[in-house]
Amino acid sequence: MPADRILLIENPARLSVDHGRIKIEREGRDAAFAAPADIAVLCLHHHTINLSVHVFKVLAAAGAAVLVTDAQHHPSAIMLPVAGNQALPQRLQQQIEIRNSDLSRDLWTKIVRSKILTQAANLRYFDLNGALRLERLANEVKSGDSGNAEAQAARHYWKHFFGENFARRKEGADDGLNARLNYGYAVLRALMARQLVMSGLNPALGLGHQSQQNPFNLADDFMEPFRYLVERHVLAEGADTSPLTSKDKIALLRFMEQEVSMGEQTFRVPSAVAESVGSYCRAIERGAGELRLP
């Protein structure tokens, strides 16, 4: 069973290792314990959290990622497990060989098509207008998305999902809706990057995302068809526009509880992520293949 727990620490605390478990001590409370193997991502949201290198080593050995935030509680760093993965050299060579190839363009086409279909599914889930246009657009995605269908779909999707007045903002967003989306995406990105590294992949070598300044291009690629989970959760919780609070952050992590449909099967989010990444590994090994996507 893959780890599927997001452990959020947002108050002064001391983390240590006690008989193989992560021990969490907070003033005025009994100590809490978590098995490293149960942790997918450890989110550290307070500047006075104290932990040793031993904690990082134990978490890395268990395959957990660590997400750190800055003074504004925006994600600022991710620690990923890399040691002991024998597939790293082979996977790196395979990733380099498919750069800018027909296979790379084909895989990115499939990701874009999946993303647009999940956006359409979200509109139908909430009985909103606009789903049919997205479903048609998904069938019109050209190789490598040369027609920029992803951007067309985004403009159409957001105005129907959150309304005409909503504007999607990424960096430095201070409005409630964008802050909630960005926080959920950050956790999803850490989960995706963790799975990529555990599979021996270099998250900087992307398909559609190829920025030389982005160490998580491939994670951002594979996030695209999964973003709908965060968006669905935010709207289901009432699309709150008030400032993001600690309580809101905890509630946001429940997007992980949703089920993801892939063909005739359904998976919990961590298992779905593992399925997608595994299908990508098979595709670059064989030089062809289908991606398992929502």
Protein backbone atom coordinates (compact mmCIF):
# COMPACT_ATOMS: atom_id res chain seq x y z
CA MET A 1 0.00 0.00 0.00
CA PRO A 2 1.49 3.39 -0.96
CA ALA A 3 1.72 6.10 1.63
CA ASP A 4 -1.29 8.39 1.35
CA ARG A 5 -1.13 10.62 4.42
CA ILE A 6 -0.48 14.35 4.29
CA LEU A 7 0.98 15.33 7.68
CA LEU A 8 0.48 19.05 8.35
CA ILE A 9 2.43 20.79 11.15
CA GLU A 10 1.53 24.49 11.53
CA ASN A 11 2.32 25.27 15.17
CA PRO A 12 5.56 25.31 17.19
CA ALA A 13 6.66 21.70 17.46
CA ARG A 14 9.63 19.40 17.85
CA LEU A 15 9.97 16.38 15.60
CA SER A 16 12.23 13.47 16.44
CA VAL A 17 12.57 9.74 15.78
CA ASP A 18 11.36 7.42 18.53
CA HIS A 19 11.66 3.67 17.96
CA GLY A 20 11.35 4.17 14.21
CA ARG A 21 8.33 6.47 14.45
CA ILE A 22 8.14 10.21 13.91
CA LYS A 23 7.43 11.76 17.30
CA ILE A 24 5.66 15.14 17.32
CA GLU A 25 5.86 17.13 20.54
CA ARG A 26 3.86 20.32 21.10
CA GLU A 27 3.62 22.39 24.26
CA GLY A 28 0.64 21.49 26.40
CA ARG A 29 -0.25 18.37 24.42
CA ASP A 30 0.57 14.71 24.57
CA ALA A 31 3.14 13.55 22.04
CA ALA A 32 1.76 12.24 18.74
CA PHE A 33 3.37 9.56 16.59
CA ALA A 34 3.32 8.73 12.87
CA ALA A 35 4.85 5.83 11.01
CA PRO A 36 7.20 7.16 8.28
CA ALA A 37 5.86 4.61 5.80
CA ASP A 38 2.37 6.14 6.16
CA ILE A 39 3.49 9.66 5.22
CA ALA A 40 3.32 10.82 1.61
CA VAL A 41 4.11 14.49 2.28
CA LEU A 42 5.15 16.27 5.48
CA CYS A 43 4.05 19.94 5.32
CA LEU A 44 5.97 22.29 7.63
CA HIS A 45 4.03 25.53 8.12
CA HIS A 46 5.69 27.25 11.07
CA HIS A 47 9.08 28.90 11.42
CA THR A 48 9.77 27.49 14.90
CA ILE A 49 9.34 23.82 14.04
CA ASN A 50 12.46 22.00 15.19
CA LEU A 51 13.63 18.70 13.70
CA SER A 52 16.89 16.85 13.24
CA VAL A 53 18.66 15.57 10.15
CA HIS A 54 17.78 12.11 11.44
CA VAL A 55 14.10 12.88 10.86
CA PHE A 56 14.84 13.87 7.25
CA LYS A 57 16.85 10.67 6.74
CA VAL A 58 14.08 8.44 8.11
CA LEU A 59 11.45 10.18 6.00
CA ALA A 60 13.61 9.97 2.88
CA ALA A 61 14.22 6.27 3.44
CA ALA A 62 10.45 5.76 3.69
CA GLY A 63 9.89 7.69 0.45
CA ALA A 64 8.23 10.75 1.98
CA ALA A 65 8.49 14.28 0.58
CA VAL A 66 8.86 17.35 2.82
CA LEU A 67 7.19 20.63 1.85
CA VAL A 68 8.41 23.85 3.56
CA THR A 69 6.66 27.22 3.46
CA ASP A 70 7.98 30.77 3.74
CA ALA A 71 6.93 33.62 6.07
CA GLN A 72 3.75 34.15 4.01
CA HIS A 73 2.97 30.43 4.19
CA HIS A 74 3.62 30.02 0.47
CA PRO A 75 5.52 26.87 -0.60
CA SER A 76 9.24 27.63 -0.76
CA ALA A 77 11.06 24.26 -0.84
CA ILE A 78 10.50 20.56 -1.40
CA MET A 79 12.77 17.75 -0.21
CA LEU A 80 12.48 14.57 -2.26
CA PRO A 81 13.90 11.07 -1.63
CA VAL A 82 16.54 10.04 -4.19
CA ALA A 83 19.03 7.69 -2.50
CA GLY A 84 19.05 4.02 -3.32
CA ASN A 85 17.01 4.24 -6.52
CA GLN A 86 18.81 1.94 -8.96
CA ALA A 87 16.62 3.05 -11.87
CA LEU A 88 17.96 6.63 -11.89
CA PRO A 89 20.69 6.30 -14.58
CA GLN A 90 18.51 4.25 -16.94
CA ARG A 91 15.47 6.48 -16.53
CA LEU A 92 17.55 9.62 -17.07
CA GLN A 93 18.91 8.25 -20.34
CA GLN A 94 15.41 7.32 -21.49
CA GLN A 95 14.08 10.78 -20.65
CA ILE A 96 16.92 12.43 -22.58
CA GLU A 97 16.36 10.19 -25.62
CA ILE A 98 12.68 11.14 -26.00
CA ARG A 99 13.26 14.90 -25.66
CA ASN A 100 11.46 16.72 -28.50
CA SER A 101 10.54 13.39 -30.12
CA ASP A 102 7.26 12.24 -31.63
CA LEU A 103 6.71 10.14 -28.49
CA SER A 104 7.19 13.19 -26.26
CA ARG A 105 4.67 15.19 -28.32
CA ASP A 106 2.23 12.27 -28.30
CA LEU A 107 2.42 11.89 -24.52
CA TRP A 108 1.90 15.62 -23.98
CA THR A 109 -1.10 15.50 -26.33
CA LYS A 110 -2.64 12.78 -24.17
CA ILE A 111 -2.03 14.81 -21.00
CA VAL A 112 -3.66 17.92 -22.46
CA ARG A 113 -6.64 15.91 -23.68
CA SER A 114 -7.06 14.33 -20.25
CA LYS A 115 -6.86 17.70 -18.51
CA ILE A 116 -9.57 19.19 -20.73
CA LEU A 117 -11.82 16.17 -20.17
CA THR A 118 -11.43 16.46 -16.38
CA GLN A 119 -12.38 20.15 -16.64
CA ALA A 120 -15.50 19.15 -18.57
CA ALA A 121 -16.23 16.50 -15.93
CA ASN A 122 -16.02 19.16 -13.20
CA LEU A 123 -18.56 21.35 -15.01
CA ARG A 124 -20.92 18.39 -15.36
CA TYR A 125 -20.35 17.39 -11.72
CA PHE A 126 -21.67 20.77 -10.56
CA ASP A 127 -24.33 20.97 -13.30
CA LEU A 128 -22.65 24.03 -14.84
CA ASN A 129 -22.73 25.13 -18.47
CA GLY A 130 -19.84 24.72 -20.89
CA ALA A 131 -18.93 21.03 -20.64
CA LEU A 132 -19.87 20.14 -24.22
CA ARG A 133 -17.52 22.79 -25.65
CA LEU A 134 -14.64 21.33 -23.64
CA GLU A 135 -15.43 17.76 -24.67
CA ARG A 136 -15.34 18.82 -28.31
CA LEU A 137 -12.12 20.74 -27.78
CA ALA A 138 -10.50 17.67 -26.20
CA ASN A 139 -11.11 15.77 -29.44
CA GLU A 140 -9.47 18.58 -31.43
CA VAL A 141 -6.11 18.63 -29.58
CA LYS A 142 -3.33 18.56 -32.16
CA SER A 143 0.02 16.81 -31.80
CA GLY A 144 1.99 18.43 -28.99
CA ASP A 145 -0.98 20.77 -28.53
CA SER A 146 0.33 22.92 -31.38
CA GLY A 147 -3.08 24.59 -31.57
CA ASN A 148 -2.89 25.66 -27.92
CA ALA A 149 -6.11 23.91 -26.98
CA GLU A 150 -5.06 23.87 -23.31
CA ALA A 151 -5.14 27.68 -23.10
CA GLN A 152 -8.44 27.88 -24.98
CA ALA A 153 -9.95 25.34 -22.61
CA ALA A 154 -8.67 27.21 -19.53
CA ARG A 155 -10.30 30.49 -20.55
CA HIS A 156 -13.60 28.72 -21.20
CA TYR A 157 -13.41 26.58 -18.07
CA TRP A 158 -12.66 29.28 -15.49
CA LYS A 159 -15.42 31.63 -16.58
CA HIS A 160 -17.98 28.84 -16.19
CA PHE A 161 -16.49 27.24 -13.08
CA PHE A 162 -16.04 30.27 -10.81
CA GLY A 163 -17.89 32.87 -12.89
CA GLU A 164 -17.08 35.66 -15.32
CA ASN A 165 -15.36 37.82 -12.68
CA PHE A 166 -12.81 35.19 -11.65
CA ALA A 167 -9.21 35.68 -12.82
CA ARG A 168 -6.72 32.88 -12.31
CA ARG A 169 -3.58 34.09 -10.54
CA LYS A 170 -0.56 32.01 -9.60
CA GLU A 171 2.37 33.73 -7.94
CA GLY A 172 1.60 36.03 -5.02
CA ALA A 173 -2.18 35.69 -5.21
CA ASP A 174 -3.84 37.12 -2.12
CA ASP A 175 -7.52 36.58 -2.95
CA GLY A 176 -9.20 33.68 -1.19
CA LEU A 177 -10.03 31.51 -4.20
CA ASN A 178 -6.61 31.67 -5.82
CA ALA A 179 -4.89 31.19 -2.47
CA ARG A 180 -6.88 28.00 -1.91
CA LEU A 181 -6.16 26.70 -5.38
CA ASN A 182 -2.44 27.49 -5.11
CA TYR A 183 -2.15 25.79 -1.73
CA GLY A 184 -3.88 22.63 -2.96
CA TYR A 185 -1.77 22.61 -6.12
CA ALA A 186 1.43 22.93 -4.05
CA VAL A 187 0.56 19.79 -2.07
CA LEU A 188 -0.38 17.97 -5.28
CA ARG A 189 2.91 19.05 -6.88
CA ALA A 190 4.91 17.68 -3.96
CA LEU A 191 3.01 14.39 -4.17
CA MET A 192 3.65 14.18 -7.91
CA ALA A 193 7.34 15.10 -7.64
CA ARG A 194 7.79 12.49 -4.91
CA GLN A 195 6.32 9.75 -7.10
CA LEU A 196 8.46 10.75 -10.08
CA VAL A 197 11.69 10.64 -8.05
CA MET A 198 10.72 7.35 -6.42
CA SER A 199 10.28 5.95 -9.95
CA GLY A 200 13.78 7.02 -10.90
CA LEU A 201 12.68 9.97 -13.05
CA ASN A 202 14.20 13.43 -13.17
CA PRO A 203 11.31 15.87 -12.50
CA ALA A 204 13.10 18.69 -14.36
CA LEU A 205 12.86 16.96 -17.77
CA GLY A 206 9.32 17.74 -18.85
CA LEU A 207 7.15 17.10 -21.88
CA GLY A 208 5.04 20.23 -22.30
CA HIS A 209 6.73 22.23 -19.54
CA GLN A 210 10.37 22.82 -20.50
CA SER A 211 11.47 25.89 -18.58
CA GLN A 212 15.18 25.94 -17.78
CA GLN A 213 14.36 27.67 -14.48
CA ASN A 214 11.84 25.04 -13.33
CA PRO A 215 13.20 21.96 -11.52
CA PHE A 216 9.72 20.37 -11.57
CA ASN A 217 8.72 20.51 -15.26
CA LEU A 218 7.65 16.87 -15.42
CA ALA A 219 5.76 17.14 -12.13
CA ASP A 220 3.89 20.11 -13.58
CA ASP A 221 3.12 18.06 -16.70
CA PHE A 222 1.57 15.21 -14.76
CA MET A 223 -0.22 17.55 -12.36
CA GLU A 224 -2.37 18.93 -15.17
CA PRO A 225 -4.96 16.11 -15.36
CA PHE A 226 -5.13 15.98 -11.53
CA ARG A 227 -5.75 19.68 -10.86
CA TYR A 228 -9.49 19.14 -11.16
CA LEU A 229 -9.41 17.38 -7.76
CA VAL A 230 -8.32 20.57 -5.99
CA GLU A 231 -10.74 22.71 -8.00
CA ARG A 232 -13.66 20.37 -7.30
CA HIS A 233 -12.90 20.37 -3.59
CA VAL A 234 -12.64 24.19 -3.43
CA LEU A 235 -15.98 24.68 -5.18
CA ALA A 236 -17.66 21.92 -3.15
CA GLU A 237 -16.58 23.76 0.02
CA GLY A 238 -18.38 26.87 -1.16
CA ALA A 239 -15.68 28.68 -3.20
CA ASP A 240 -14.78 30.75 -0.13
CA THR A 241 -13.21 34.12 -1.01
CA SER A 242 -12.10 34.99 2.53
CA PRO A 243 -8.39 34.88 3.50
CA LEU A 244 -6.88 31.41 3.78
CA THR A 245 -6.70 30.25 7.41
CA SER A 246 -5.09 27.32 9.20
CA LYS A 247 -8.47 25.63 9.40
CA ASP A 248 -8.91 26.09 5.66
CA LYS A 249 -5.52 24.48 4.96
CA ILE A 250 -6.47 21.39 6.92
CA ALA A 251 -9.81 21.18 5.11
CA LEU A 252 -8.12 21.57 1.73
CA LEU A 253 -6.05 18.45 2.25
CA ARG A 254 -9.25 16.42 2.02
CA PHE A 255 -9.01 16.65 -1.76
CA MET A 256 -6.84 13.55 -1.31
CA GLU A 257 -9.90 11.57 -0.22
CA GLN A 258 -11.53 11.72 -3.65
CA GLU A 259 -11.55 8.77 -6.01
CA VAL A 260 -9.95 9.05 -9.44
CA SER A 261 -11.43 7.20 -12.41
CA MET A 262 -9.07 5.68 -14.95
CA GLY A 263 -10.92 3.68 -17.55
CA GLU A 264 -13.05 1.16 -15.71
CA GLN A 265 -11.03 1.40 -12.49
CA THR A 266 -11.04 3.88 -9.62
CA PHE A 267 -8.14 4.72 -7.35
CA ARG A 268 -7.38 6.88 -4.36
CA VAL A 269 -5.27 9.88 -5.30
CA PRO A 270 -1.79 8.51 -4.37
CA SER A 271 -2.49 5.25 -6.17
CA ALA A 272 -3.78 7.12 -9.22
CA VAL A 273 -0.61 9.22 -9.29
CA ALA A 274 1.48 6.04 -9.09
CA GLU A 275 -0.52 4.51 -11.96
CA SER A 276 0.07 7.55 -14.18
CA VAL A 277 3.78 7.74 -13.47
CA GLY A 278 4.16 3.98 -13.91
CA SER A 279 2.50 4.13 -17.32
CA TYR A 280 4.93 6.89 -18.33
CA CYS A 281 7.89 4.75 -17.29
CA ARG A 282 6.59 1.89 -19.43
CA ALA A 283 6.07 4.22 -22.40
CA ILE A 284 9.62 5.59 -22.38
CA GLU A 285 11.04 2.08 -21.89
CA ARG A 286 9.20 0.72 -24.95
CA GLY A 287 9.25 3.87 -27.06
CA ALA A 288 5.44 3.79 -27.28
CA GLY A 289 2.40 3.25 -25.12
CA GLU A 290 -0.66 4.69 -23.48
CA LEU A 291 -0.71 6.84 -20.39
CA ARG A 292 -2.98 5.97 -17.50
CA LEU A 293 -4.67 9.30 -16.79
CA PRO A 294 -7.90 10.52 -15.16
